Amino acid sequence: METSAPTRVRILEAAIDLFGVRGVEATSLDEIAARVGVRKQTVLYWFPSKDELLDGVIHQVASELGAAMEAAVRAAGDDPMDRVTAVVRAAFRPAVRRPALLGLLREVSRLAPRHASLLQDLVRPLVERATASMAAEMERGRLRRGDPGLMVALVYATVTGAATEPVALTVVGWRSDVTGLRRLRAELLAFLEAALRP
C-alpha cells in the first residue's frame, strides 16, 4: 500500500481489501490498523466506529465502480450492445485487478439493511440513467421490449452474480484464473446478447 497516501485513504483501501476478502464481520479494526501500519486509535480518529468505516468503504467502492461504468459507457459505440459489453468489461476489470472490490459488493448485499440502503442510494442515479437508456433503445427497436427497470436489474444480477460468486461457478468446472475469467466474460456477453437483442 502506498505509504505516502493520506492516512484516511490508506485505511479505506485496507478495509476494502480485508472486508472484500475476509468479510466485514471477520475483520477487526485492529487488523485494519496493522495492515495500514497505524494504531487502532488512528483508525478510530478517522472513523469513530466500524459501521462508519463500512459507510466510508461503501461510498468509496460505489464511487470507483460508478466512475468506471460511466467512463465505459461514454467510450462505447452507439450500438446498445456495445454499451452493455463495455459495462460488462468494466465490471470484470476489478475481478482481475482487485478481486476484493467485487467480494465487497457481495458482502455488503448480505449486511444490515442500513448498509444495503446506503449502497442503493449511491447507485440509484446510475441505475436510473441505465433504465432510461434501455427504455429509449427499446422504443427505437434496438433492444427487445420489456420492462426496462427489470431488464437493468436482471443484467445487474447476472453480471454481479457471475463476477462475485466463484464457488457456484467452480461446481461446473470453472477455474478462477485469467483464462477462466475471459471465458466467463465471453459466455456472459453471448448470453446477454441473446437475451437483449430484438
N, C-alpha and C. Protein backbone atom coordinates (compact mmCIF):
# COMPACT_ATOMS: atom_id res chain seq x y z
N MET A 1 0.85 -1.19 0.00
CA MET A 1 0.00 0.00 0.00
C MET A 1 0.88 1.23 0.00
N GLU A 2 0.51 2.24 -0.73
CA GLU A 2 1.27 3.48 -0.86
C GLU A 2 1.28 4.22 0.47
N THR A 3 2.48 4.31 1.12
CA THR A 3 2.55 4.94 2.44
C THR A 3 2.49 6.45 2.38
N SER A 4 2.70 7.04 1.19
CA SER A 4 2.60 8.50 1.09
C SER A 4 1.16 8.97 0.93
N ALA A 5 0.22 8.05 0.69
CA ALA A 5 -1.19 8.43 0.58
C ALA A 5 -1.67 8.87 1.95
N PRO A 6 -2.66 9.77 1.98
CA PRO A 6 -3.20 10.20 3.28
C PRO A 6 -3.68 9.01 4.11
N THR A 7 -3.56 9.12 5.42
CA THR A 7 -3.91 8.02 6.32
C THR A 7 -5.35 7.56 6.11
N ARG A 8 -6.28 8.50 5.95
CA ARG A 8 -7.68 8.13 5.76
C ARG A 8 -7.84 7.24 4.52
N VAL A 9 -7.16 7.60 3.43
CA VAL A 9 -7.24 6.82 2.19
C VAL A 9 -6.64 5.43 2.40
N ARG A 10 -5.52 5.36 3.10
CA ARG A 10 -4.89 4.05 3.35
C ARG A 10 -5.77 3.16 4.21
N ILE A 11 -6.47 3.76 5.17
CA ILE A 11 -7.41 2.99 6.00
C ILE A 11 -8.55 2.44 5.13
N LEU A 12 -9.11 3.29 4.29
CA LEU A 12 -10.18 2.84 3.40
C LEU A 12 -9.71 1.71 2.48
N GLU A 13 -8.54 1.87 1.90
CA GLU A 13 -8.02 0.85 0.98
C GLU A 13 -7.80 -0.48 1.70
N ALA A 14 -7.25 -0.43 2.90
CA ALA A 14 -7.04 -1.66 3.67
C ALA A 14 -8.37 -2.30 4.03
N ALA A 15 -9.36 -1.47 4.41
CA ALA A 15 -10.67 -2.00 4.77
C ALA A 15 -11.35 -2.64 3.56
N ILE A 16 -11.24 -2.00 2.39
CA ILE A 16 -11.81 -2.58 1.17
C ILE A 16 -11.23 -3.97 0.93
N ASP A 17 -9.90 -4.08 1.00
CA ASP A 17 -9.26 -5.37 0.75
C ASP A 17 -9.65 -6.42 1.78
N LEU A 18 -9.57 -6.06 3.07
CA LEU A 18 -9.87 -7.04 4.11
C LEU A 18 -11.36 -7.39 4.17
N PHE A 19 -12.23 -6.40 4.08
CA PHE A 19 -13.67 -6.69 4.09
C PHE A 19 -14.04 -7.55 2.88
N GLY A 20 -13.47 -7.24 1.72
CA GLY A 20 -13.81 -7.96 0.49
C GLY A 20 -13.31 -9.38 0.47
N VAL A 21 -12.16 -9.63 1.09
CA VAL A 21 -11.57 -10.98 1.08
C VAL A 21 -12.05 -11.80 2.27
N ARG A 22 -12.04 -11.20 3.46
CA ARG A 22 -12.35 -11.96 4.67
C ARG A 22 -13.78 -11.80 5.16
N GLY A 23 -14.43 -10.71 4.74
CA GLY A 23 -15.77 -10.41 5.22
C GLY A 23 -15.71 -9.33 6.29
N VAL A 24 -16.79 -8.59 6.41
CA VAL A 24 -16.83 -7.47 7.36
C VAL A 24 -16.79 -7.99 8.79
N GLU A 25 -17.63 -8.96 9.10
CA GLU A 25 -17.70 -9.47 10.47
C GLU A 25 -16.39 -10.12 10.91
N ALA A 26 -15.68 -10.74 9.99
CA ALA A 26 -14.45 -11.46 10.34
C ALA A 26 -13.22 -10.55 10.41
N THR A 27 -13.38 -9.29 10.08
CA THR A 27 -12.26 -8.35 10.07
C THR A 27 -12.38 -7.38 11.23
N SER A 28 -11.32 -7.27 12.01
CA SER A 28 -11.34 -6.36 13.15
C SER A 28 -10.66 -5.04 12.79
N LEU A 29 -10.96 -4.01 13.57
CA LEU A 29 -10.28 -2.72 13.39
C LEU A 29 -8.79 -2.86 13.68
N ASP A 30 -8.43 -3.75 14.59
CA ASP A 30 -7.01 -3.99 14.88
C ASP A 30 -6.28 -4.51 13.64
N GLU A 31 -6.93 -5.42 12.90
CA GLU A 31 -6.31 -5.96 11.68
C GLU A 31 -6.15 -4.87 10.63
N ILE A 32 -7.15 -4.01 10.51
CA ILE A 32 -7.05 -2.91 9.54
C ILE A 32 -5.92 -1.98 9.93
N ALA A 33 -5.83 -1.65 11.22
CA ALA A 33 -4.75 -0.78 11.71
C ALA A 33 -3.39 -1.41 11.42
N ALA A 34 -3.25 -2.70 11.69
CA ALA A 34 -1.97 -3.38 11.44
C ALA A 34 -1.61 -3.35 9.96
N ARG A 35 -2.60 -3.55 9.08
CA ARG A 35 -2.35 -3.52 7.64
C ARG A 35 -1.85 -2.14 7.20
N VAL A 36 -2.41 -1.09 7.80
CA VAL A 36 -2.03 0.28 7.44
C VAL A 36 -0.72 0.68 8.10
N GLY A 37 -0.41 0.04 9.25
CA GLY A 37 0.79 0.42 9.99
C GLY A 37 0.55 1.55 10.96
N VAL A 38 -0.67 1.61 11.50
CA VAL A 38 -1.02 2.64 12.49
C VAL A 38 -1.66 1.94 13.69
N ARG A 39 -1.93 2.72 14.73
CA ARG A 39 -2.61 2.18 15.90
C ARG A 39 -4.12 2.20 15.66
N LYS A 40 -4.84 1.35 16.39
CA LYS A 40 -6.30 1.28 16.27
C LYS A 40 -6.92 2.66 16.54
N GLN A 41 -6.34 3.42 17.47
CA GLN A 41 -6.87 4.74 17.80
C GLN A 41 -6.83 5.67 16.59
N THR A 42 -5.85 5.46 15.71
CA THR A 42 -5.77 6.28 14.50
C THR A 42 -6.94 5.96 13.57
N VAL A 43 -7.26 4.67 13.45
CA VAL A 43 -8.42 4.27 12.65
C VAL A 43 -9.68 4.91 13.23
N LEU A 44 -9.81 4.86 14.57
CA LEU A 44 -11.00 5.42 15.22
C LEU A 44 -11.04 6.94 15.16
N TYR A 45 -9.90 7.58 15.00
CA TYR A 45 -9.88 9.03 14.82
C TYR A 45 -10.59 9.39 13.50
N TRP A 46 -10.28 8.63 12.44
CA TRP A 46 -10.86 8.91 11.13
C TRP A 46 -12.26 8.34 10.99
N PHE A 47 -12.51 7.19 11.61
CA PHE A 47 -13.80 6.51 11.52
C PHE A 47 -14.18 6.06 12.93
N PRO A 48 -15.04 6.81 13.64
CA PRO A 48 -15.32 6.55 15.05
C PRO A 48 -15.90 5.17 15.38
N SER A 49 -16.34 4.42 14.38
CA SER A 49 -16.86 3.08 14.62
C SER A 49 -16.65 2.23 13.37
N LYS A 50 -16.78 0.94 13.54
CA LYS A 50 -16.67 0.04 12.39
C LYS A 50 -17.78 0.31 11.39
N ASP A 51 -18.97 0.64 11.89
CA ASP A 51 -20.09 0.98 11.00
C ASP A 51 -19.76 2.21 10.14
N GLU A 52 -19.15 3.21 10.74
CA GLU A 52 -18.79 4.41 9.98
C GLU A 52 -17.68 4.12 8.97
N LEU A 53 -16.76 3.22 9.35
CA LEU A 53 -15.74 2.80 8.39
C LEU A 53 -16.39 2.07 7.22
N LEU A 54 -17.35 1.20 7.50
CA LEU A 54 -18.04 0.49 6.43
C LEU A 54 -18.80 1.47 5.54
N ASP A 55 -19.42 2.49 6.13
CA ASP A 55 -20.06 3.52 5.32
C ASP A 55 -19.06 4.19 4.38
N GLY A 56 -17.88 4.51 4.90
CA GLY A 56 -16.84 5.13 4.08
C GLY A 56 -16.40 4.22 2.96
N VAL A 57 -16.28 2.94 3.26
CA VAL A 57 -15.89 1.94 2.26
C VAL A 57 -16.95 1.85 1.17
N ILE A 58 -18.22 1.82 1.56
CA ILE A 58 -19.31 1.73 0.59
C ILE A 58 -19.29 2.96 -0.32
N HIS A 59 -19.11 4.14 0.25
CA HIS A 59 -19.01 5.36 -0.55
C HIS A 59 -17.86 5.26 -1.56
N GLN A 60 -16.70 4.80 -1.09
CA GLN A 60 -15.52 4.70 -1.95
C GLN A 60 -15.72 3.72 -3.09
N VAL A 61 -16.24 2.54 -2.77
CA VAL A 61 -16.43 1.50 -3.78
C VAL A 61 -17.50 1.91 -4.79
N ALA A 62 -18.60 2.48 -4.31
CA ALA A 62 -19.65 2.93 -5.22
C ALA A 62 -19.12 4.01 -6.15
N SER A 63 -18.30 4.89 -5.62
CA SER A 63 -17.72 5.96 -6.43
C SER A 63 -16.78 5.39 -7.50
N GLU A 64 -15.90 4.47 -7.10
CA GLU A 64 -14.95 3.86 -8.04
C GLU A 64 -15.67 3.10 -9.15
N LEU A 65 -16.60 2.23 -8.75
CA LEU A 65 -17.30 1.42 -9.75
C LEU A 65 -18.21 2.27 -10.62
N GLY A 66 -18.87 3.26 -10.01
CA GLY A 66 -19.73 4.16 -10.79
C GLY A 66 -18.93 4.92 -11.84
N ALA A 67 -17.77 5.44 -11.45
CA ALA A 67 -16.92 6.17 -12.39
C ALA A 67 -16.46 5.25 -13.52
N ALA A 68 -16.11 4.01 -13.18
CA ALA A 68 -15.66 3.05 -14.20
C ALA A 68 -16.78 2.74 -15.18
N MET A 69 -18.00 2.56 -14.68
CA MET A 69 -19.14 2.25 -15.55
C MET A 69 -19.48 3.44 -16.46
N GLU A 70 -19.51 4.63 -15.88
CA GLU A 70 -19.81 5.84 -16.66
C GLU A 70 -18.77 6.03 -17.77
N ALA A 71 -17.51 5.85 -17.44
CA ALA A 71 -16.45 6.01 -18.44
C ALA A 71 -16.59 4.97 -19.54
N ALA A 72 -16.94 3.74 -19.16
CA ALA A 72 -17.09 2.67 -20.14
C ALA A 72 -18.23 2.98 -21.12
N VAL A 73 -19.35 3.45 -20.59
CA VAL A 73 -20.50 3.77 -21.45
C VAL A 73 -20.16 4.93 -22.38
N ARG A 74 -19.50 5.96 -21.85
CA ARG A 74 -19.13 7.12 -22.70
C ARG A 74 -18.18 6.72 -23.82
N ALA A 75 -17.30 5.77 -23.56
CA ALA A 75 -16.31 5.36 -24.56
C ALA A 75 -16.87 4.35 -25.56
N ALA A 76 -18.03 3.77 -25.26
CA ALA A 76 -18.60 2.73 -26.13
C ALA A 76 -19.23 3.36 -27.37
N GLY A 77 -19.48 2.52 -28.34
CA GLY A 77 -20.14 2.97 -29.58
C GLY A 77 -21.61 3.25 -29.36
N ASP A 78 -22.31 3.54 -30.45
CA ASP A 78 -23.72 3.90 -30.40
C ASP A 78 -24.62 2.69 -30.20
N ASP A 79 -24.17 1.52 -30.63
CA ASP A 79 -24.99 0.31 -30.53
C ASP A 79 -25.22 -0.02 -29.05
N PRO A 80 -26.47 -0.32 -28.66
CA PRO A 80 -26.73 -0.59 -27.25
C PRO A 80 -25.95 -1.79 -26.72
N MET A 81 -25.71 -2.78 -27.56
CA MET A 81 -24.94 -3.94 -27.10
C MET A 81 -23.47 -3.58 -26.91
N ASP A 82 -22.98 -2.58 -27.64
CA ASP A 82 -21.61 -2.09 -27.38
C ASP A 82 -21.53 -1.52 -25.98
N ARG A 83 -22.58 -0.82 -25.56
CA ARG A 83 -22.59 -0.24 -24.22
C ARG A 83 -22.70 -1.34 -23.15
N VAL A 84 -23.53 -2.34 -23.40
CA VAL A 84 -23.64 -3.46 -22.46
C VAL A 84 -22.29 -4.16 -22.35
N THR A 85 -21.64 -4.40 -23.48
CA THR A 85 -20.33 -5.04 -23.48
C THR A 85 -19.32 -4.21 -22.69
N ALA A 86 -19.36 -2.89 -22.88
CA ALA A 86 -18.43 -2.01 -22.16
C ALA A 86 -18.66 -2.08 -20.66
N VAL A 87 -19.92 -2.14 -20.24
CA VAL A 87 -20.22 -2.23 -18.81
C VAL A 87 -19.75 -3.57 -18.25
N VAL A 88 -19.98 -4.65 -18.98
CA VAL A 88 -19.53 -5.97 -18.51
C VAL A 88 -18.01 -5.99 -18.38
N ARG A 89 -17.32 -5.46 -19.37
CA ARG A 89 -15.86 -5.41 -19.30
C ARG A 89 -15.40 -4.57 -18.11
N ALA A 90 -16.08 -3.45 -17.88
CA ALA A 90 -15.72 -2.58 -16.74
C ALA A 90 -15.97 -3.30 -15.42
N ALA A 91 -17.03 -4.11 -15.34
CA ALA A 91 -17.32 -4.86 -14.12
C ALA A 91 -16.30 -5.95 -13.88
N PHE A 92 -15.77 -6.53 -14.95
CA PHE A 92 -14.82 -7.63 -14.79
C PHE A 92 -13.39 -7.15 -14.54
N ARG A 93 -13.08 -5.91 -14.88
CA ARG A 93 -11.72 -5.42 -14.63
C ARG A 93 -11.31 -5.55 -13.17
N PRO A 94 -12.18 -5.17 -12.21
CA PRO A 94 -11.78 -5.35 -10.81
C PRO A 94 -11.56 -6.82 -10.44
N ALA A 95 -12.29 -7.73 -11.10
CA ALA A 95 -12.10 -9.15 -10.80
C ALA A 95 -10.68 -9.58 -11.10
N VAL A 96 -10.06 -8.93 -12.07
CA VAL A 96 -8.68 -9.26 -12.43
C VAL A 96 -7.71 -8.44 -11.58
N ARG A 97 -7.94 -7.11 -11.51
CA ARG A 97 -7.01 -6.21 -10.82
C ARG A 97 -7.16 -6.24 -9.31
N ARG A 98 -8.40 -6.27 -8.84
CA ARG A 98 -8.64 -6.16 -7.40
C ARG A 98 -9.91 -6.92 -7.04
N PRO A 99 -9.80 -8.25 -6.90
CA PRO A 99 -10.99 -9.08 -6.63
C PRO A 99 -11.76 -8.65 -5.39
N ALA A 100 -11.09 -8.02 -4.43
CA ALA A 100 -11.76 -7.63 -3.18
C ALA A 100 -12.92 -6.66 -3.43
N LEU A 101 -12.84 -5.85 -4.48
CA LEU A 101 -13.93 -4.91 -4.76
C LEU A 101 -15.25 -5.64 -5.01
N LEU A 102 -15.17 -6.68 -5.83
CA LEU A 102 -16.39 -7.43 -6.12
C LEU A 102 -16.82 -8.27 -4.92
N GLY A 103 -15.85 -8.79 -4.18
CA GLY A 103 -16.18 -9.51 -2.96
C GLY A 103 -16.89 -8.62 -1.97
N LEU A 104 -16.48 -7.38 -1.94
CA LEU A 104 -17.11 -6.42 -1.03
C LEU A 104 -18.55 -6.15 -1.44
N LEU A 105 -18.82 -6.03 -2.73
CA LEU A 105 -20.20 -5.85 -3.19
C LEU A 105 -21.08 -7.02 -2.74
N ARG A 106 -20.55 -8.22 -2.88
CA ARG A 106 -21.29 -9.41 -2.44
C ARG A 106 -21.52 -9.34 -0.93
N GLU A 107 -20.49 -8.95 -0.20
CA GLU A 107 -20.56 -8.87 1.25
C GLU A 107 -21.59 -7.83 1.72
N VAL A 108 -21.57 -6.65 1.11
CA VAL A 108 -22.47 -5.57 1.53
C VAL A 108 -23.92 -5.96 1.33
N SER A 109 -24.20 -6.71 0.25
CA SER A 109 -25.58 -7.11 -0.01
C SER A 109 -26.11 -8.06 1.07
N ARG A 110 -25.22 -8.60 1.88
CA ARG A 110 -25.62 -9.54 2.93
C ARG A 110 -25.60 -8.92 4.32
N LEU A 111 -25.34 -7.64 4.39
CA LEU A 111 -25.24 -6.97 5.69
C LEU A 111 -26.55 -6.34 6.10
N ALA A 112 -26.47 -5.55 7.16
CA ALA A 112 -27.66 -4.89 7.71
C ALA A 112 -28.34 -4.02 6.65
N PRO A 113 -29.66 -3.89 6.74
CA PRO A 113 -30.39 -3.09 5.76
C PRO A 113 -29.87 -1.66 5.62
N ARG A 114 -29.35 -1.07 6.70
CA ARG A 114 -28.83 0.30 6.64
C ARG A 114 -27.71 0.42 5.62
N HIS A 115 -26.82 -0.57 5.59
CA HIS A 115 -25.69 -0.52 4.66
C HIS A 115 -26.14 -0.83 3.23
N ALA A 116 -27.07 -1.77 3.10
CA ALA A 116 -27.61 -2.07 1.77
C ALA A 116 -28.34 -0.85 1.22
N SER A 117 -29.08 -0.15 2.08
CA SER A 117 -29.79 1.06 1.66
C SER A 117 -28.83 2.16 1.22
N LEU A 118 -27.73 2.29 1.93
CA LEU A 118 -26.73 3.29 1.55
C LEU A 118 -26.20 2.99 0.15
N LEU A 119 -25.86 1.73 -0.11
CA LEU A 119 -25.37 1.36 -1.44
C LEU A 119 -26.43 1.63 -2.50
N GLN A 120 -27.68 1.30 -2.21
CA GLN A 120 -28.77 1.55 -3.16
C GLN A 120 -28.89 3.04 -3.47
N ASP A 121 -28.82 3.86 -2.43
CA ASP A 121 -28.92 5.32 -2.64
C ASP A 121 -27.78 5.84 -3.51
N LEU A 122 -26.59 5.28 -3.32
CA LEU A 122 -25.43 5.76 -4.08
C LEU A 122 -25.47 5.34 -5.54
N VAL A 123 -26.03 4.16 -5.82
CA VAL A 123 -26.05 3.68 -7.21
C VAL A 123 -27.35 4.04 -7.93
N ARG A 124 -28.34 4.57 -7.19
CA ARG A 124 -29.63 4.89 -7.81
C ARG A 124 -29.51 5.79 -9.05
N PRO A 125 -28.72 6.89 -9.02
CA PRO A 125 -28.63 7.72 -10.23
C PRO A 125 -28.09 6.95 -11.44
N LEU A 126 -27.14 6.07 -11.21
CA LEU A 126 -26.59 5.25 -12.29
C LEU A 126 -27.65 4.31 -12.85
N VAL A 127 -28.42 3.70 -11.96
CA VAL A 127 -29.48 2.77 -12.37
C VAL A 127 -30.58 3.51 -13.13
N GLU A 128 -30.91 4.70 -12.66
CA GLU A 128 -31.95 5.48 -13.35
C GLU A 128 -31.52 5.85 -14.76
N ARG A 129 -30.26 6.22 -14.93
CA ARG A 129 -29.76 6.54 -16.29
C ARG A 129 -29.75 5.29 -17.17
N ALA A 130 -29.34 4.16 -16.60
CA ALA A 130 -29.33 2.90 -17.37
C ALA A 130 -30.74 2.51 -17.77
N THR A 131 -31.71 2.69 -16.87
CA THR A 131 -33.09 2.34 -17.17
C THR A 131 -33.66 3.24 -18.28
N ALA A 132 -33.38 4.53 -18.18
CA ALA A 132 -33.85 5.47 -19.21
C ALA A 132 -33.23 5.13 -20.57
N SER A 133 -31.94 4.79 -20.57
CA SER A 133 -31.26 4.43 -21.82
C SER A 133 -31.86 3.16 -22.40
N MET A 134 -32.11 2.17 -21.55
CA MET A 134 -32.68 0.92 -22.03
C MET A 134 -34.08 1.15 -22.59
N ALA A 135 -34.88 1.99 -21.92
CA ALA A 135 -36.24 2.30 -22.41
C ALA A 135 -36.17 2.96 -23.78
N ALA A 136 -35.22 3.89 -23.95
CA ALA A 136 -35.08 4.58 -25.25
C ALA A 136 -34.68 3.59 -26.34
N GLU A 137 -33.78 2.67 -26.03
CA GLU A 137 -33.35 1.68 -27.03
C GLU A 137 -34.47 0.70 -27.37
N MET A 138 -35.31 0.39 -26.40
CA MET A 138 -36.46 -0.46 -26.68
C MET A 138 -37.44 0.27 -27.60
N GLU A 139 -37.65 1.56 -27.36
CA GLU A 139 -38.52 2.37 -28.22
C GLU A 139 -38.01 2.39 -29.66
N ARG A 140 -36.70 2.48 -29.82
CA ARG A 140 -36.08 2.50 -31.15
C ARG A 140 -36.09 1.12 -31.81
N GLY A 141 -36.44 0.10 -31.04
CA GLY A 141 -36.45 -1.25 -31.59
C GLY A 141 -35.08 -1.91 -31.61
N ARG A 142 -34.12 -1.33 -30.91
CA ARG A 142 -32.76 -1.88 -30.93
C ARG A 142 -32.50 -2.86 -29.78
N LEU A 143 -33.44 -2.91 -28.83
CA LEU A 143 -33.40 -3.92 -27.77
C LEU A 143 -34.78 -4.54 -27.66
N ARG A 144 -34.81 -5.77 -27.19
CA ARG A 144 -36.07 -6.49 -27.01
C ARG A 144 -36.94 -5.71 -26.03
N ARG A 145 -38.24 -5.61 -26.36
CA ARG A 145 -39.17 -4.89 -25.49
C ARG A 145 -39.40 -5.67 -24.20
N GLY A 146 -39.56 -4.91 -23.15
CA GLY A 146 -39.81 -5.48 -21.82
C GLY A 146 -39.85 -4.34 -20.82
N ASP A 147 -39.85 -4.67 -19.57
CA ASP A 147 -39.81 -3.66 -18.52
C ASP A 147 -38.36 -3.22 -18.36
N PRO A 148 -38.02 -1.97 -18.74
CA PRO A 148 -36.61 -1.56 -18.73
C PRO A 148 -35.98 -1.62 -17.34
N GLY A 149 -36.75 -1.31 -16.30
CA GLY A 149 -36.20 -1.38 -14.94
C GLY A 149 -35.85 -2.81 -14.55
N LEU A 150 -36.76 -3.73 -14.86
CA LEU A 150 -36.47 -5.14 -14.56
C LEU A 150 -35.32 -5.65 -15.41
N MET A 151 -35.25 -5.20 -16.66
CA MET A 151 -34.14 -5.65 -17.52
C MET A 151 -32.80 -5.18 -16.95
N VAL A 152 -32.73 -3.93 -16.51
CA VAL A 152 -31.49 -3.43 -15.89
C VAL A 152 -31.16 -4.26 -14.65
N ALA A 153 -32.18 -4.55 -13.84
CA ALA A 153 -31.95 -5.35 -12.63
C ALA A 153 -31.46 -6.75 -12.98
N LEU A 154 -32.03 -7.34 -14.04
CA LEU A 154 -31.61 -8.68 -14.45
C LEU A 154 -30.18 -8.68 -15.00
N VAL A 155 -29.85 -7.65 -15.78
CA VAL A 155 -28.47 -7.54 -16.28
C VAL A 155 -27.52 -7.38 -15.11
N TYR A 156 -27.87 -6.50 -14.15
CA TYR A 156 -27.04 -6.29 -12.97
C TYR A 156 -26.85 -7.59 -12.20
N ALA A 157 -27.96 -8.30 -11.93
CA ALA A 157 -27.89 -9.54 -11.16
C ALA A 157 -27.06 -10.59 -11.88
N THR A 158 -27.21 -10.67 -13.19
CA THR A 158 -26.45 -11.64 -13.97
C THR A 158 -24.96 -11.33 -13.94
N VAL A 159 -24.61 -10.07 -14.17
CA VAL A 159 -23.19 -9.68 -14.21
C VAL A 159 -22.56 -9.81 -12.84
N THR A 160 -23.19 -9.23 -11.81
CA THR A 160 -22.57 -9.30 -10.48
C THR A 160 -22.58 -10.72 -9.93
N GLY A 161 -23.63 -11.47 -10.22
CA GLY A 161 -23.66 -12.86 -9.77
C GLY A 161 -22.52 -13.66 -10.39
N ALA A 162 -22.31 -13.49 -11.68
CA ALA A 162 -21.22 -14.21 -12.35
C ALA A 162 -19.86 -13.75 -11.84
N ALA A 163 -19.74 -12.47 -11.55
CA ALA A 163 -18.44 -11.93 -11.15
C ALA A 163 -18.14 -12.13 -9.67
N THR A 164 -19.16 -12.33 -8.84
CA THR A 164 -18.90 -12.38 -7.39
C THR A 164 -19.20 -13.71 -6.73
N GLU A 165 -19.65 -14.70 -7.47
CA GLU A 165 -19.98 -15.99 -6.86
C GLU A 165 -19.11 -17.11 -7.42
N PRO A 166 -17.80 -17.06 -7.18
CA PRO A 166 -16.91 -18.07 -7.76
C PRO A 166 -17.18 -19.49 -7.27
N VAL A 167 -17.68 -19.66 -6.05
CA VAL A 167 -17.93 -21.01 -5.54
C VAL A 167 -18.98 -21.71 -6.40
N ALA A 168 -20.06 -21.00 -6.74
CA ALA A 168 -21.10 -21.60 -7.58
C ALA A 168 -20.53 -21.97 -8.95
N LEU A 169 -19.62 -21.16 -9.47
CA LEU A 169 -19.06 -21.42 -10.78
C LEU A 169 -18.08 -22.60 -10.77
N THR A 170 -17.37 -22.80 -9.67
CA THR A 170 -16.41 -23.92 -9.63
C THR A 170 -17.13 -25.26 -9.66
N VAL A 171 -18.40 -25.29 -9.25
CA VAL A 171 -19.18 -26.53 -9.30
C VAL A 171 -19.30 -27.04 -10.73
N VAL A 172 -19.33 -26.12 -11.70
CA VAL A 172 -19.46 -26.53 -13.11
C VAL A 172 -18.11 -26.61 -13.80
N GLY A 173 -17.03 -26.61 -13.02
CA GLY A 173 -15.70 -26.79 -13.60
C GLY A 173 -14.97 -25.52 -13.99
N TRP A 174 -15.52 -24.37 -13.63
CA TRP A 174 -14.86 -23.10 -13.97
C TRP A 174 -13.66 -22.89 -13.07
N ARG A 175 -12.58 -22.35 -13.65
CA ARG A 175 -11.36 -22.07 -12.89
C ARG A 175 -11.20 -20.56 -12.73
N SER A 176 -10.84 -20.15 -11.51
CA SER A 176 -10.68 -18.74 -11.20
C SER A 176 -9.27 -18.26 -11.56
N ASP A 177 -9.04 -18.13 -12.86
CA ASP A 177 -7.78 -17.57 -13.33
C ASP A 177 -8.10 -16.64 -14.50
N VAL A 178 -7.09 -16.04 -15.10
CA VAL A 178 -7.33 -15.08 -16.17
C VAL A 178 -8.06 -15.73 -17.34
N THR A 179 -7.65 -16.94 -17.71
CA THR A 179 -8.31 -17.64 -18.80
C THR A 179 -9.77 -17.93 -18.45
N GLY A 180 -10.01 -18.36 -17.22
CA GLY A 180 -11.37 -18.64 -16.78
C GLY A 180 -12.23 -17.39 -16.77
N LEU A 181 -11.68 -16.26 -16.33
CA LEU A 181 -12.42 -15.00 -16.33
C LEU A 181 -12.77 -14.56 -17.74
N ARG A 182 -11.84 -14.73 -18.67
CA ARG A 182 -12.13 -14.36 -20.07
C ARG A 182 -13.23 -15.24 -20.65
N ARG A 183 -13.16 -16.53 -20.35
CA ARG A 183 -14.18 -17.45 -20.84
C ARG A 183 -15.55 -17.10 -20.25
N LEU A 184 -15.56 -16.82 -18.96
CA LEU A 184 -16.80 -16.44 -18.29
C LEU A 184 -17.38 -15.16 -18.89
N ARG A 185 -16.52 -14.18 -19.11
CA ARG A 185 -16.98 -12.91 -19.69
C ARG A 185 -17.56 -13.12 -21.09
N ALA A 186 -16.90 -13.96 -21.90
CA ALA A 186 -17.38 -14.22 -23.26
C ALA A 186 -18.75 -14.91 -23.22
N GLU A 187 -18.92 -15.90 -22.35
CA GLU A 187 -20.21 -16.60 -22.24
C GLU A 187 -21.29 -15.65 -21.74
N LEU A 188 -20.93 -14.80 -20.78
CA LEU A 188 -21.88 -13.84 -20.24
C LEU A 188 -22.34 -12.86 -21.31
N LEU A 189 -21.41 -12.37 -22.11
CA LEU A 189 -21.77 -11.43 -23.18
C LEU A 189 -22.66 -12.09 -24.23
N ALA A 190 -22.36 -13.34 -24.58
CA ALA A 190 -23.20 -14.06 -25.54
C ALA A 190 -24.60 -14.27 -24.97
N PHE A 191 -24.68 -14.57 -23.68
CA PHE A 191 -25.97 -14.75 -23.01
C PHE A 191 -26.78 -13.46 -23.03
N LEU A 192 -26.14 -12.35 -22.71
CA LEU A 192 -26.83 -11.06 -22.68
C LEU A 192 -27.25 -10.62 -24.09
N GLU A 193 -26.40 -10.88 -25.07
CA GLU A 193 -26.75 -10.56 -26.47
C GLU A 193 -28.02 -11.30 -26.86
N ALA A 194 -28.08 -12.60 -26.56
CA ALA A 194 -29.26 -13.39 -26.91
C ALA A 194 -30.50 -12.92 -26.15
N ALA A 195 -30.30 -12.46 -24.91
CA ALA A 195 -31.44 -12.04 -24.09
C ALA A 195 -31.96 -10.66 -24.46
N LEU A 196 -31.10 -9.79 -24.96
CA LEU A 196 -31.48 -8.38 -25.15
C LEU A 196 -31.79 -7.99 -26.58
N ARG A 197 -31.22 -8.68 -27.55
CA ARG A 197 -31.49 -8.33 -28.94
C ARG A 197 -32.95 -8.60 -29.29
N PRO A 198 -33.54 -7.74 -30.14
CA PRO A 198 -34.97 -7.98 -30.52
C PRO A 198 -35.11 -9.22 -31.38
